[in-house]
C-alpha atoms as a PDB file:
ATOM      1  CA  MET A   1      12.045  -0.460   4.603  1.00  0.00           C
ATOM      2  CA  ARG A   2      15.108   1.029   6.049  1.00  0.00           C
ATOM      3  CA  ARG A   3      15.144   4.680   6.971  1.00  0.00           C
ATOM      4  CA  LEU A   4      17.208   5.615   3.894  1.00  0.00           C
ATOM      5  CA  GLY A   5      15.001   3.712   1.635  1.00  0.00           C
ATOM      6  CA  ARG A   6      17.746   1.491   0.301  1.00  0.00           C
ATOM      7  CA  ALA A   7      15.842  -1.727   1.144  1.00  0.00           C
ATOM      8  CA  SER A   8      13.809  -3.663  -1.328  1.00  0.00           C
ATOM      9  CA  SER A   9      10.135  -2.356  -1.579  1.00  0.00           C
ATOM     10  CA  LYS A  10       9.061  -5.947  -0.582  1.00  0.00           C
ATOM     11  CA  THR A  11      10.899  -5.493   2.749  1.00  0.00           C
ATOM     12  CA  PRO A  12       8.477  -4.986   5.665  1.00  0.00           C
ATOM     13  CA  LEU A  13       8.581  -1.619   7.324  1.00  0.00           C
ATOM     14  CA  LEU A  14       8.771  -3.396  10.570  1.00  0.00           C
ATOM     15  CA  GLY A  15       9.733  -6.995  10.845  1.00  0.00           C
ATOM     16  CA  HIS A  16       6.968  -9.400  12.265  1.00  0.00           C
ATOM     17  CA  SER A  17       9.356 -10.175  15.090  1.00  0.00           C
ATOM     18  CA  CYS A  18       9.915  -6.546  15.928  1.00  0.00           C
ATOM     19  CA  GLU A  19      11.014  -6.090  19.472  1.00  0.00           C
ATOM     20  CA  LYS A  20      10.169  -2.508  19.968  1.00  0.00           C
ATOM     21  CA  GLY A  21       7.854  -3.604  22.826  1.00  0.00           C
ATOM     22  CA  THR A  22       4.087  -2.856  23.278  1.00  0.00           C
ATOM     23  CA  ILE A  23       1.773   0.050  22.676  1.00  0.00           C
ATOM     24  CA  LYS A  24       0.090   1.400  25.805  1.00  0.00           C
ATOM     25  CA  HIS A  25      -3.264   2.982  25.074  1.00  0.00           C
ATOM     26  CA  PRO A  26      -3.967   6.518  26.446  1.00  0.00           C
ATOM     27  CA  PHE A  27      -6.912   7.402  28.570  1.00  0.00           C
ATOM     28  CA  PRO A  28      -9.718   6.340  28.357  1.00  0.00           C
ATOM     29  CA  MET A  29      -8.833   3.484  25.844  1.00  0.00           C
ATOM     30  CA  LYS A  30      -6.473   1.971  28.388  1.00  0.00           C
ATOM     31  CA  TYR A  31      -9.520   0.998  30.374  1.00  0.00           C
ATOM     32  CA  PHE A  32     -11.018  -0.942  27.469  1.00  0.00           C
ATOM     33  CA  LEU A  33      -8.080  -2.331  25.490  1.00  0.00           C
ATOM     34  CA  LYS A  34      -5.040  -4.282  26.629  1.00  0.00           C
ATOM     35  CA  PRO A  35      -1.575  -3.121  25.407  1.00  0.00           C
ATOM     36  CA  TRP A  36      -0.963  -4.105  21.821  1.00  0.00           C
ATOM     37  CA  LYS A  37       2.213  -6.263  21.236  1.00  0.00           C
ATOM     38  CA  LEU A  38       3.995  -5.397  18.039  1.00  0.00           C
ATOM     39  CA  GLY A  39       4.140  -7.955  15.411  1.00  0.00           C
ATOM     40  CA  ARG A  40       1.857  -9.696  12.907  1.00  0.00           C
ATOM     41  CA  TRP A  41      -1.101  -9.349  15.200  1.00  0.00           C
ATOM     42  CA  PHE A  42      -0.713  -5.447  15.345  1.00  0.00           C
ATOM     43  CA  TYR A  43      -0.627  -5.328  11.632  1.00  0.00           C
ATOM     44  CA  GLN A  44      -3.897  -7.297  11.365  1.00  0.00           C
ATOM     45  CA  VAL A  45      -5.692  -5.115  13.995  1.00  0.00           C
ATOM     46  CA  VAL A  46      -4.551  -1.763  12.369  1.00  0.00           C
ATOM     47  CA  LYS A  47      -5.389  -2.960   8.871  1.00  0.00           C
ATOM     48  CA  PHE A  48      -8.863  -4.148  10.045  1.00  0.00           C
ATOM     49  CA  GLY A  49      -9.387  -0.829  11.953  1.00  0.00           C
ATOM     50  CA  ILE A  50      -8.765   1.058   8.755  1.00  0.00           C
ATOM     51  CA  VAL A  51     -10.630  -1.219   6.262  1.00  0.00           C
ATOM     52  CA  GLN A  52     -13.795  -1.509   8.450  1.00  0.00           C
ATOM     53  CA  TYR A  53     -14.358   2.209   7.967  1.00  0.00           C
ATOM     54  CA  MET A  54     -14.216   1.825   4.061  1.00  0.00           C
ATOM     55  CA  ILE A  55     -16.752  -1.014   4.225  1.00  0.00           C
ATOM     56  CA  ILE A  56     -19.158   0.716   6.687  1.00  0.00           C
ATOM     57  CA  LYS A  57     -18.887   4.042   4.734  1.00  0.00           C
ATOM     58  CA  ILE A  58     -19.935   2.171   1.553  1.00  0.00           C
ATOM     59  CA  LEU A  59     -22.802   0.317   3.363  1.00  0.00           C
ATOM     60  CA  THR A  60     -24.155   3.414   5.024  1.00  0.00           C
ATOM     61  CA  ALA A  61     -23.965   5.323   1.738  1.00  0.00           C
ATOM     62  CA  LEU A  62     -26.178   2.731   0.067  1.00  0.00           C
ATOM     63  CA  LEU A  63     -28.500   2.623   2.923  1.00  0.00           C
ATOM     64  CA  ALA A  64     -28.796   6.433   2.907  1.00  0.00           C
ATOM     65  CA  VAL A  65     -29.777   6.193  -0.814  1.00  0.00           C
ATOM     66  CA  ILE A  66     -32.470   3.662   0.047  1.00  0.00           C
ATOM     67  CA  LEU A  67     -33.847   5.666   2.975  1.00  0.00           C
ATOM     68  CA  GLU A  68     -33.750   8.990   0.953  1.00  0.00           C
ATOM     69  CA  ALA A  69     -35.876   7.185  -1.724  1.00  0.00           C
ATOM     70  CA  PHE A  70     -38.467   6.443   0.914  1.00  0.00           C
ATOM     71  CA  GLY A  71     -38.189   9.956   2.503  1.00  0.00           C
ATOM     72  CA  VAL A  72     -36.968   8.801   5.806  1.00  0.00           C
ATOM     73  CA  TYR A  73     -33.276   9.621   5.780  1.00  0.00           C
ATOM     74  CA  CYS A  74     -33.603  13.417   6.666  1.00  0.00           C
ATOM     75  CA  GLU A  75     -29.966  14.446   6.228  1.00  0.00           C
ATOM     76  CA  GLY A  76     -28.709  16.722   8.925  1.00  0.00           C
ATOM     77  CA  GLU A  77     -31.786  16.321  11.065  1.00  0.00           C
ATOM     78  CA  PHE A  78     -31.494  14.750  14.540  1.00  0.00           C
ATOM     79  CA  ASN A  79     -34.981  13.224  14.283  1.00  0.00           C
ATOM     80  CA  TRP A  80     -34.908   9.753  15.860  1.00  0.00           C
ATOM     81  CA  GLU A  81     -37.630   8.623  13.446  1.00  0.00           C
ATOM     82  CA  CYS A  82     -35.241   9.103  10.583  1.00  0.00           C
ATOM     83  CA  GLY A  83     -31.987   7.275   9.508  1.00  0.00           C
ATOM     84  CA  TYR A  84     -29.432  10.008   9.677  1.00  0.00           C
ATOM     85  CA  PRO A  85     -28.769  10.228  13.497  1.00  0.00           C
ATOM     86  CA  TYR A  86     -28.318   6.463  13.649  1.00  0.00           C
ATOM     87  CA  MET A  87     -25.964   6.448  10.775  1.00  0.00           C
ATOM     88  CA  ALA A  88     -24.038   9.389  12.078  1.00  0.00           C
ATOM     89  CA  VAL A  89     -23.513   7.627  15.320  1.00  0.00           C
ATOM     90  CA  VAL A  90     -22.233   4.459  13.534  1.00  0.00           C
ATOM     91  CA  LEU A  91     -19.970   6.470  11.167  1.00  0.00           C
ATOM     92  CA  ASN A  92     -18.551   8.458  14.149  1.00  0.00           C
ATOM     93  CA  PHE A  93     -17.459   5.342  15.975  1.00  0.00           C
ATOM     94  CA  SER A  94     -16.115   3.851  12.744  1.00  0.00           C
ATOM     95  CA  GLN A  95     -14.113   6.955  11.895  1.00  0.00           C
ATOM     96  CA  THR A  96     -12.801   7.435  15.355  1.00  0.00           C
ATOM     97  CA  TRP A  97     -11.590   3.798  15.598  1.00  0.00           C
ATOM     98  CA  ALA A  98      -9.914   4.100  12.068  1.00  0.00           C
ATOM     99  CA  PHE A  99      -8.232   7.311  13.019  1.00  0.00           C
ATOM    100  CA  TYR A 100      -7.057   5.796  16.382  1.00  0.00           C
ATOM    101  CA  CYS A 101      -5.506   2.875  14.499  1.00  0.00           C
ATOM    102  CA  LEU A 102      -3.774   5.230  12.110  1.00  0.00           C
ATOM    103  CA  VAL A 103      -2.345   7.304  14.984  1.00  0.00           C
ATOM    104  CA  GLN A 104      -1.051   4.105  16.632  1.00  0.00           C
ATOM    105  CA  PHE A 105       0.541   2.942  13.295  1.00  0.00           C
ATOM    106  CA  TYR A 106       2.262   6.284  13.108  1.00  0.00           C
ATOM    107  CA  THR A 107       3.688   6.158  16.680  1.00  0.00           C
ATOM    108  CA  VAL A 108       5.172   2.891  15.778  1.00  0.00           C
ATOM    109  CA  THR A 109       6.707   3.683  12.459  1.00  0.00           C
ATOM    110  CA  LYS A 110       7.454   7.400  12.755  1.00  0.00           C
ATOM    111  CA  ASP A 111      11.264   6.629  13.040  1.00  0.00           C
ATOM    112  CA  GLU A 112      11.320   4.491   9.977  1.00  0.00           C
ATOM    113  CA  LEU A 113       9.149   7.016   8.046  1.00  0.00           C
ATOM    114  CA  ALA A 114      10.951  10.154   9.317  1.00  0.00           C
ATOM    115  CA  PRO A 115      12.710  10.834   5.931  1.00  0.00           C
ATOM    116  CA  ILE A 116       9.331  11.471   4.248  1.00  0.00           C
ATOM    117  CA  LYS A 117       7.974  13.719   7.201  1.00  0.00           C
ATOM    118  CA  PRO A 118       4.754  11.614   7.657  1.00  0.00           C
ATOM    119  CA  LEU A 119       3.090  13.653  10.450  1.00  0.00           C
ATOM    120  CA  ALA A 120       2.482  16.756   8.334  1.00  0.00           C
ATOM    121  CA  LYS A 121       1.149  14.590   5.432  1.00  0.00           C
ATOM    122  CA  PHE A 122      -1.041  12.490   7.800  1.00  0.00           C
ATOM    123  CA  LEU A 123      -2.521  15.575   9.401  1.00  0.00           C
ATOM    124  CA  THR A 124      -3.246  17.429   6.216  1.00  0.00           C
ATOM    125  CA  PHE A 125      -4.851  14.479   4.402  1.00  0.00           C
ATOM    126  CA  LYS A 126      -6.788  12.970   7.225  1.00  0.00           C
ATOM    127  CA  SER A 127      -8.134  16.368   8.311  1.00  0.00           C
ATOM    128  CA  ILE A 128      -9.880  16.617   4.921  1.00  0.00           C
ATOM    129  CA  VAL A 129     -11.243  13.022   5.326  1.00  0.00           C
ATOM    130  CA  PHE A 130     -12.369  13.062   8.951  1.00  0.00           C
ATOM    131  CA  LEU A 131     -12.640  16.536  10.194  1.00  0.00           C
ATOM    132  CA  THR A 132     -14.963  17.699   7.437  1.00  0.00           C
ATOM    133  CA  TRP A 133     -17.352  14.867   8.404  1.00  0.00           C
ATOM    134  CA  TRP A 134     -17.224  15.805  12.075  1.00  0.00           C
ATOM    135  CA  GLN A 135     -17.628  19.494  11.179  1.00  0.00           C
ATOM    136  CA  GLY A 136     -20.854  18.592   9.221  1.00  0.00           C
ATOM    137  CA  VAL A 137     -22.262  16.607  12.127  1.00  0.00           C
ATOM    138  CA  ALA A 138     -21.417  19.485  14.476  1.00  0.00           C
ATOM    139  CA  ILE A 139     -23.168  22.075  12.354  1.00  0.00           C
ATOM    140  CA  ALA A 140     -26.177  19.732  12.109  1.00  0.00           C
ATOM    141  CA  LEU A 141     -26.230  19.430  15.899  1.00  0.00           C
ATOM    142  CA  PHE A 142     -25.950  23.124  16.460  1.00  0.00           C
ATOM    143  CA  TYR A 143     -28.786  23.633  13.941  1.00  0.00           C
ATOM    144  CA  ALA A 144     -30.862  21.113  15.902  1.00  0.00           C
ATOM    145  CA  LEU A 145     -30.217  23.086  19.133  1.00  0.00           C
ATOM    146  CA  ASP A 146     -31.595  26.281  17.489  1.00  0.00           C
ATOM    147  CA  LEU A 147     -28.249  27.837  17.546  1.00  0.00           C
ATOM    148  CA  PHE A 148     -28.284  28.701  13.768  1.00  0.00           C
ATOM    149  CA  ARG A 149     -31.968  29.387  13.421  1.00  0.00           C
ATOM    150  CA  HIS A 150     -33.146  32.881  12.412  1.00  0.00           C
ATOM    151  CA  PRO A 151     -36.420  34.098  10.641  1.00  0.00           C
ATOM    152  CA  VAL A 152     -34.479  35.400   7.708  1.00  0.00           C
ATOM    153  CA  THR A 153     -32.963  31.936   6.991  1.00  0.00           C
ATOM    154  CA  GLU A 154     -36.038  29.846   7.595  1.00  0.00           C
ATOM    155  CA  GLY A 155     -36.507  29.091   3.963  1.00  0.00           C
ATOM    156  CA  LEU A 156     -32.723  28.426   3.190  1.00  0.00           C
ATOM    157  CA  HIS A 157     -30.856  25.152   3.491  1.00  0.00           C
ATOM    158  CA  LEU A 158     -28.681  26.779   6.129  1.00  0.00           C
ATOM    159  CA  LYS A 159     -26.932  23.609   7.391  1.00  0.00           C
ATOM    160  CA  SER A 160     -25.529  22.678   4.037  1.00  0.00           C
ATOM    161  CA  SER A 161     -24.889  26.286   3.007  1.00  0.00           C
ATOM    162  CA  VAL A 162     -22.662  26.900   6.101  1.00  0.00           C
ATOM    163  CA  GLN A 163     -20.824  23.525   5.602  1.00  0.00           C
ATOM    164  CA  ASP A 164     -20.270  24.207   1.935  1.00  0.00           C
ATOM    165  CA  PHE A 165     -18.950  27.773   2.696  1.00  0.00           C
ATOM    166  CA  ILE A 166     -16.649  26.577   5.388  1.00  0.00           C
ATOM    167  CA  ILE A 167     -15.364  23.724   3.249  1.00  0.00           C
ATOM    168  CA  CYS A 168     -14.575  26.191   0.325  1.00  0.00           C
ATOM    169  CA  ILE A 169     -12.402  28.385   2.796  1.00  0.00           C
ATOM    170  CA  GLU A 170     -10.776  25.217   4.210  1.00  0.00           C
ATOM    171  CA  MET A 171      -9.986  23.757   0.788  1.00  0.00           C
ATOM    172  CA  GLY A 172      -8.297  27.115  -0.261  1.00  0.00           C
ATOM    173  CA  ILE A 173      -6.059  26.769   2.834  1.00  0.00           C
ATOM    174  CA  ALA A 174      -5.441  23.124   2.313  1.00  0.00           C
ATOM    175  CA  SER A 175      -4.369  23.839  -1.315  1.00  0.00           C
ATOM    176  CA  VAL A 176      -1.610  26.197  -0.070  1.00  0.00           C
ATOM    177  CA  VAL A 177      -0.615  23.788   2.609  1.00  0.00           C
ATOM    178  CA  HIS A 178      -0.292  21.027   0.231  1.00  0.00           C
ATOM    179  CA  LEU A 179       2.382  22.910  -1.686  1.00  0.00           C
ATOM    180  CA  TYR A 180       4.687  22.679   1.381  1.00  0.00           C
ATOM    181  CA  VAL A 181       3.504  19.238   2.687  1.00  0.00           C
ATOM    182  CA  PHE A 182       3.695  17.483  -0.701  1.00  0.00           C
ATOM    183  CA  PRO A 183       6.505  19.435  -2.578  1.00  0.00           C
ATOM    184  CA  SER A 184       7.536  18.586  -6.162  1.00  0.00           C
ATOM    185  CA  LYS A 185      11.153  19.008  -5.484  1.00  0.00           C
ATOM    186  CA  PRO A 186      11.969  15.328  -4.974  1.00  0.00           C
ATOM    187  CA  TYR A 187      10.556  14.531  -8.319  1.00  0.00           C
ATOM    188  CA  GLU A 188      12.408  17.338 -10.026  1.00  0.00           C
ATOM    189  CA  LEU A 189      15.688  16.058  -8.444  1.00  0.00           C
ATOM    190  CA  MET A 190      15.050  12.585  -9.624  1.00  0.00           C
ATOM    191  CA  GLY A 191      14.326  13.915 -13.182  1.00  0.00           C
ATOM    192  CA  ASP A 192      12.776  11.309 -15.516  1.00  0.00           C
ATOM    193  CA  PRO A 193      15.499   8.545 -15.969  1.00  0.00           C
ATOM    194  CA  ILE A 194      12.831   5.769 -16.251  1.00  0.00           C
ATOM    195  CA  PRO A 195       9.479   5.457 -17.930  1.00  0.00           C
ATOM    196  CA  GLY A 196       6.507   5.698 -15.798  1.00  0.00           C
ATOM    197  CA  SER A 197       6.749   6.596 -11.976  1.00  0.00           C
ATOM    198  CA  VAL A 198       8.082   4.920  -8.879  1.00  0.00           C
ATOM    199  CA  SER A 199       6.419   4.772  -5.413  1.00  0.00           C
ATOM    200  CA  VAL A 200       5.950   7.871  -3.465  1.00  0.00           C
ATOM    201  CA  LEU A 201       7.904   6.363  -0.542  1.00  0.00           C
ATOM    202  CA  GLY A 202      10.830   5.752  -2.679  1.00  0.00           C
ATOM    203  CA  ASP A 203      10.850   9.281  -4.102  1.00  0.00           C
ATOM    204  CA  TYR A 204      10.558  11.013  -0.800  1.00  0.00           C
ATOM    205  CA  ALA A 205      12.669   8.724   1.351  1.00  0.00           C
ATOM    206  CA  CYS A 206      15.777   8.652  -0.830  1.00  0.00           C
ATOM    207  CA  VAL A 207      15.984  11.540  -3.170  1.00  0.00           C
ATOM    208  CA  ASP A 208      19.735  11.081  -3.516  1.00  0.00           C
ATOM    209  CA  CYS A 209      19.541   7.337  -3.905  1.00  0.00           C
ATOM    210  CA  ALA A 210      19.262   5.141  -6.952  1.00  0.00           C
ATOM    211  CA  PRO A 211      15.736   4.068  -7.719  1.00  0.00           C
ATOM    212  CA  ASP A 212      14.655   0.749  -6.190  1.00  0.00           C
ATOM    213  CA  PRO A 213      14.892  -1.958  -8.967  1.00  0.00           C
ATOM    214  CA  ASP A 214      11.845  -3.748  -7.489  1.00  0.00           C
ATOM    215  CA  GLU A 215       9.824  -0.532  -7.717  1.00  0.00           C
ATOM    216  CA  ILE A 216      10.810  -0.056 -11.272  1.00  0.00           C
ATOM    217  CA  ARG A 217       9.855  -3.600 -12.375  1.00  0.00           C
ATOM    218  CA  GLU A 218       6.536  -3.460 -10.574  1.00  0.00           C
ATOM    219  CA  ASN A 219       5.696  -0.112 -12.017  1.00  0.00           C
ATOM    220  CA  ARG A 220       6.368  -1.410 -15.545  1.00  0.00           C
ATOM    221  CA  LYS A 221       3.871  -4.217 -15.221  1.00  0.00           C
END
């Protein structure tokens, strides 16, 4: 996909023979990973890094249901005789790796995706997915360390209450941020010349360009 979005939707964002070079990993990843050469292998690594989180998330959710049925899940409790702390560790590693792969993909494609301002969209959306999870784990850890305990709250589900309260505030802020990060103006400028909708990338990348014929044909299927 060219920067102005005039290329076919089937054109790769970066060619498999892209000569931009290699990706050098920051500290401390550079001690564990060799530099990644751009090309087909890079796509496969990033894709697997993202998809593995989806798979692990589904498996851990199913396992949590099973453990909860037997009373040994203990959500939010760092009791090593329960399943929650083990799944929290696994999910944290999985999420961290997925997030790292997304960041590396952004560093490579930020110039090509510049017209749609991807950084703000990336941070806004992924903060909801990843940071709320890490936030919940941090609250559970603080509670396990007796930082949240108080005689008045002994009978309350304080961990979940604090998490729910913070998320309510965060979602209010996120809803306002979304108005600026995901504006409706590109769609208003395009009008409704064709039935259905075209891809988000096409809408944002070339507001002043004619719609991509391939996108229109694919959307009509």
